[in-house]
Amino acid sequence: MTQKTIAKLAVLSEDERTRLLAESREKLQRDIFARERAAEEKGIEKGIEQGRIEERLAFARKLLEDSRTIDEIMRYTSLSRAKIQSLLH
């Protein structure tokens, strides 16, 4: 091989490494973005669910104020007996 051929192979080899490195960085960035997006979506879902629970608890408190029975409140809110009883204290 001539010096010129060896130099050309070195450049091509370096370009391949550079391309692979760039692809690896891009994949890492996509993976990080996907994980962040999934975590954000999970947080939103958790917040929505927490809001629903708080709404049911508020409704249960109103039913207790109206002297409804625990069994009725359980039926209307789907809350457990223990959860409703905890609102009494």
N, C-alpha and C. Protein backbone atom coordinates (compact mmCIF):
# COMPACT_ATOMS: atom_id res chain seq x y z
N MET A 1 0.83 -1.18 0.00
CA MET A 1 0.00 0.00 0.00
C MET A 1 0.88 1.24 0.00
N THR A 2 0.36 2.23 -0.66
CA THR A 2 1.11 3.49 -0.69
C THR A 2 0.71 4.35 0.49
N GLN A 3 1.50 5.33 0.75
CA GLN A 3 1.23 6.26 1.86
C GLN A 3 -0.11 6.97 1.63
N LYS A 4 -0.40 7.28 0.37
CA LYS A 4 -1.64 7.98 0.04
C LYS A 4 -2.85 7.09 0.36
N THR A 5 -2.75 5.81 0.02
CA THR A 5 -3.84 4.86 0.28
C THR A 5 -4.03 4.68 1.78
N ILE A 6 -2.94 4.57 2.49
CA ILE A 6 -3.01 4.40 3.95
C ILE A 6 -3.66 5.63 4.58
N ALA A 7 -3.30 6.80 4.12
CA ALA A 7 -3.87 8.04 4.65
C ALA A 7 -5.37 8.11 4.35
N LYS A 8 -5.77 7.70 3.15
CA LYS A 8 -7.18 7.71 2.77
C LYS A 8 -7.97 6.73 3.63
N LEU A 9 -7.40 5.55 3.88
CA LEU A 9 -8.07 4.57 4.74
C LEU A 9 -8.21 5.10 6.17
N ALA A 10 -7.23 5.80 6.65
CA ALA A 10 -7.28 6.37 7.99
C ALA A 10 -8.41 7.40 8.08
N VAL A 11 -8.54 8.24 7.05
CA VAL A 11 -9.61 9.25 7.03
C VAL A 11 -10.97 8.58 7.00
N LEU A 12 -11.14 7.57 6.12
CA LEU A 12 -12.41 6.87 6.02
C LEU A 12 -12.75 6.16 7.33
N SER A 13 -11.75 5.57 7.96
CA SER A 13 -11.95 4.89 9.22
C SER A 13 -12.38 5.88 10.30
N GLU A 14 -11.74 7.03 10.34
CA GLU A 14 -12.09 8.07 11.31
C GLU A 14 -13.50 8.58 11.05
N ASP A 15 -13.87 8.75 9.80
CA ASP A 15 -15.22 9.19 9.47
C ASP A 15 -16.26 8.18 9.95
N GLU A 16 -15.97 6.89 9.80
CA GLU A 16 -16.89 5.85 10.26
C GLU A 16 -17.04 5.91 11.77
N ARG A 17 -15.95 6.09 12.49
CA ARG A 17 -16.02 6.20 13.94
C ARG A 17 -16.81 7.44 14.36
N THR A 18 -16.57 8.53 13.66
CA THR A 18 -17.28 9.77 13.95
C THR A 18 -18.77 9.59 13.72
N ARG A 19 -19.15 8.94 12.62
CA ARG A 19 -20.55 8.68 12.30
C ARG A 19 -21.20 7.81 13.38
N LEU A 20 -20.50 6.73 13.76
CA LEU A 20 -21.03 5.84 14.79
C LEU A 20 -21.20 6.55 16.12
N LEU A 21 -20.23 7.40 16.45
CA LEU A 21 -20.32 8.17 17.69
C LEU A 21 -21.51 9.13 17.64
N ALA A 22 -21.70 9.79 16.51
CA ALA A 22 -22.83 10.71 16.37
C ALA A 22 -24.15 9.96 16.46
N GLU A 23 -24.24 8.80 15.84
CA GLU A 23 -25.45 7.99 15.91
C GLU A 23 -25.73 7.55 17.35
N SER A 24 -24.68 7.18 18.05
CA SER A 24 -24.83 6.75 19.45
C SER A 24 -25.35 7.90 20.31
N ARG A 25 -24.79 9.10 20.10
CA ARG A 25 -25.25 10.27 20.85
C ARG A 25 -26.71 10.59 20.54
N GLU A 26 -27.06 10.50 19.27
CA GLU A 26 -28.43 10.79 18.86
C GLU A 26 -29.40 9.78 19.49
N LYS A 27 -29.02 8.50 19.49
CA LYS A 27 -29.87 7.47 20.10
C LYS A 27 -30.03 7.73 21.60
N LEU A 28 -28.95 8.08 22.25
CA LEU A 28 -29.00 8.39 23.68
C LEU A 28 -29.95 9.55 23.94
N GLN A 29 -29.87 10.59 23.14
CA GLN A 29 -30.76 11.75 23.31
C GLN A 29 -32.22 11.36 23.10
N ARG A 30 -32.49 10.52 22.10
CA ARG A 30 -33.87 10.05 21.87
C ARG A 30 -34.36 9.22 23.05
N ASP A 31 -33.48 8.36 23.58
CA ASP A 31 -33.85 7.52 24.72
C ASP A 31 -34.15 8.38 25.96
N ILE A 32 -33.32 9.38 26.20
CA ILE A 32 -33.54 10.26 27.35
C ILE A 32 -34.87 11.00 27.18
N PHE A 33 -35.13 11.51 25.99
CA PHE A 33 -36.38 12.23 25.73
C PHE A 33 -37.57 11.31 25.94
N ALA A 34 -37.48 10.07 25.46
CA ALA A 34 -38.59 9.12 25.59
C ALA A 34 -38.84 8.80 27.07
N ARG A 35 -37.78 8.62 27.85
CA ARG A 35 -37.95 8.34 29.28
C ARG A 35 -38.57 9.54 30.00
N GLU A 36 -38.11 10.74 29.65
CA GLU A 36 -38.68 11.94 30.27
C GLU A 36 -40.15 12.09 29.92
N ARG A 37 -40.48 11.82 28.67
CA ARG A 37 -41.87 11.92 28.22
C ARG A 37 -42.75 10.91 28.95
N ALA A 38 -42.26 9.68 29.08
CA ALA A 38 -43.01 8.64 29.78
C ALA A 38 -43.21 9.01 31.25
N ALA A 39 -42.17 9.54 31.88
CA ALA A 39 -42.28 9.94 33.28
C ALA A 39 -43.28 11.08 33.44
N GLU A 40 -43.26 12.02 32.51
CA GLU A 40 -44.20 13.13 32.55
C GLU A 40 -45.64 12.64 32.40
N GLU A 41 -45.86 11.75 31.46
CA GLU A 41 -47.20 11.19 31.25
C GLU A 41 -47.67 10.42 32.48
N LYS A 42 -46.76 9.66 33.08
CA LYS A 42 -47.11 8.91 34.28
C LYS A 42 -47.47 9.87 35.41
N GLY A 43 -46.72 10.96 35.54
CA GLY A 43 -47.01 11.96 36.56
C GLY A 43 -48.37 12.61 36.35
N ILE A 44 -48.69 12.89 35.10
CA ILE A 44 -49.99 13.48 34.79
C ILE A 44 -51.11 12.51 35.15
N GLU A 45 -50.95 11.26 34.77
CA GLU A 45 -51.97 10.25 35.10
C GLU A 45 -52.13 10.11 36.61
N LYS A 46 -51.02 10.12 37.32
CA LYS A 46 -51.07 10.00 38.78
C LYS A 46 -51.79 11.21 39.38
N GLY A 47 -51.52 12.40 38.85
CA GLY A 47 -52.19 13.60 39.34
C GLY A 47 -53.68 13.57 39.09
N ILE A 48 -54.07 13.10 37.92
CA ILE A 48 -55.50 12.98 37.59
C ILE A 48 -56.17 12.01 38.55
N GLU A 49 -55.54 10.88 38.78
CA GLU A 49 -56.11 9.88 39.70
C GLU A 49 -56.22 10.45 41.11
N GLN A 50 -55.19 11.17 41.54
CA GLN A 50 -55.22 11.77 42.88
C GLN A 50 -56.38 12.77 42.97
N GLY A 51 -56.59 13.53 41.91
CA GLY A 51 -57.70 14.48 41.88
C GLY A 51 -59.05 13.78 42.00
N ARG A 52 -59.18 12.64 41.34
CA ARG A 52 -60.43 11.87 41.43
C ARG A 52 -60.66 11.38 42.86
N ILE A 53 -59.61 10.92 43.49
CA ILE A 53 -59.73 10.45 44.88
C ILE A 53 -60.13 11.60 45.79
N GLU A 54 -59.48 12.75 45.62
CA GLU A 54 -59.82 13.92 46.44
C GLU A 54 -61.28 14.33 46.23
N GLU A 55 -61.75 14.24 45.00
CA GLU A 55 -63.14 14.58 44.70
C GLU A 55 -64.10 13.61 45.41
N ARG A 56 -63.77 12.32 45.39
CA ARG A 56 -64.61 11.32 46.06
C ARG A 56 -64.61 11.54 47.57
N LEU A 57 -63.46 11.90 48.11
CA LEU A 57 -63.37 12.17 49.55
C LEU A 57 -64.22 13.40 49.92
N ALA A 58 -64.16 14.43 49.11
CA ALA A 58 -64.96 15.63 49.38
C ALA A 58 -66.45 15.28 49.32
N PHE A 59 -66.83 14.48 48.35
CA PHE A 59 -68.23 14.07 48.23
C PHE A 59 -68.64 13.25 49.45
N ALA A 60 -67.75 12.36 49.89
CA ALA A 60 -68.04 11.53 51.07
C ALA A 60 -68.22 12.41 52.30
N ARG A 61 -67.41 13.46 52.45
CA ARG A 61 -67.56 14.37 53.59
C ARG A 61 -68.95 15.03 53.58
N LYS A 62 -69.38 15.46 52.40
CA LYS A 62 -70.70 16.08 52.28
C LYS A 62 -71.81 15.09 52.63
N LEU A 63 -71.64 13.86 52.18
CA LEU A 63 -72.64 12.84 52.51
C LEU A 63 -72.67 12.57 54.01
N LEU A 64 -71.50 12.58 54.64
CA LEU A 64 -71.47 12.40 56.10
C LEU A 64 -72.17 13.56 56.80
N GLU A 65 -71.96 14.77 56.29
CA GLU A 65 -72.64 15.94 56.87
C GLU A 65 -74.15 15.82 56.73
N ASP A 66 -74.59 15.14 55.67
CA ASP A 66 -76.03 14.92 55.46
C ASP A 66 -76.54 13.68 56.19
N SER A 67 -75.71 13.14 57.05
CA SER A 67 -76.07 11.97 57.88
C SER A 67 -76.37 10.72 57.06
N ARG A 68 -75.70 10.56 55.95
CA ARG A 68 -75.84 9.31 55.17
C ARG A 68 -75.07 8.21 55.87
N THR A 69 -75.50 6.98 55.67
CA THR A 69 -74.83 5.84 56.31
C THR A 69 -73.52 5.53 55.56
N ILE A 70 -72.65 4.86 56.28
CA ILE A 70 -71.37 4.48 55.66
C ILE A 70 -71.61 3.57 54.47
N ASP A 71 -72.57 2.67 54.57
CA ASP A 71 -72.87 1.78 53.44
C ASP A 71 -73.33 2.58 52.21
N GLU A 72 -74.15 3.60 52.43
CA GLU A 72 -74.58 4.44 51.31
C GLU A 72 -73.39 5.16 50.69
N ILE A 73 -72.56 5.71 51.53
CA ILE A 73 -71.39 6.46 51.05
C ILE A 73 -70.45 5.54 50.28
N MET A 74 -70.28 4.33 50.78
CA MET A 74 -69.45 3.35 50.07
C MET A 74 -70.02 3.10 48.67
N ARG A 75 -71.32 2.97 48.58
CA ARG A 75 -71.97 2.69 47.30
C ARG A 75 -71.81 3.87 46.34
N TYR A 76 -71.96 5.10 46.85
CA TYR A 76 -71.90 6.29 46.00
C TYR A 76 -70.49 6.68 45.59
N THR A 77 -69.52 6.36 46.43
CA THR A 77 -68.15 6.85 46.19
C THR A 77 -67.13 5.77 45.83
N SER A 78 -67.48 4.53 46.09
CA SER A 78 -66.54 3.40 45.91
C SER A 78 -65.34 3.47 46.85
N LEU A 79 -65.46 4.26 47.90
CA LEU A 79 -64.41 4.31 48.91
C LEU A 79 -64.58 3.15 49.88
N SER A 80 -63.50 2.77 50.51
CA SER A 80 -63.57 1.68 51.49
C SER A 80 -64.20 2.18 52.79
N ARG A 81 -64.70 1.22 53.56
CA ARG A 81 -65.29 1.54 54.87
C ARG A 81 -64.25 2.25 55.74
N ALA A 82 -63.03 1.73 55.73
CA ALA A 82 -61.96 2.31 56.56
C ALA A 82 -61.67 3.75 56.15
N LYS A 83 -61.66 4.02 54.86
CA LYS A 83 -61.37 5.37 54.37
C LYS A 83 -62.48 6.33 54.81
N ILE A 84 -63.71 5.88 54.72
CA ILE A 84 -64.83 6.74 55.14
C ILE A 84 -64.80 6.95 56.64
N GLN A 85 -64.52 5.89 57.39
CA GLN A 85 -64.46 6.03 58.85
C GLN A 85 -63.34 6.97 59.26
N SER A 86 -62.26 6.99 58.47
CA SER A 86 -61.14 7.91 58.81
C SER A 86 -61.57 9.36 58.66
N LEU A 87 -62.60 9.62 57.87
CA LEU A 87 -63.09 10.99 57.71
C LEU A 87 -63.88 11.45 58.94
N LEU A 88 -64.31 10.51 59.76
CA LEU A 88 -65.10 10.84 60.94
C LEU A 88 -64.23 11.39 62.07
N HIS A 89 -62.94 11.18 62.01
CA HIS A 89 -62.05 11.57 63.12
C HIS A 89 -61.31 12.83 62.83
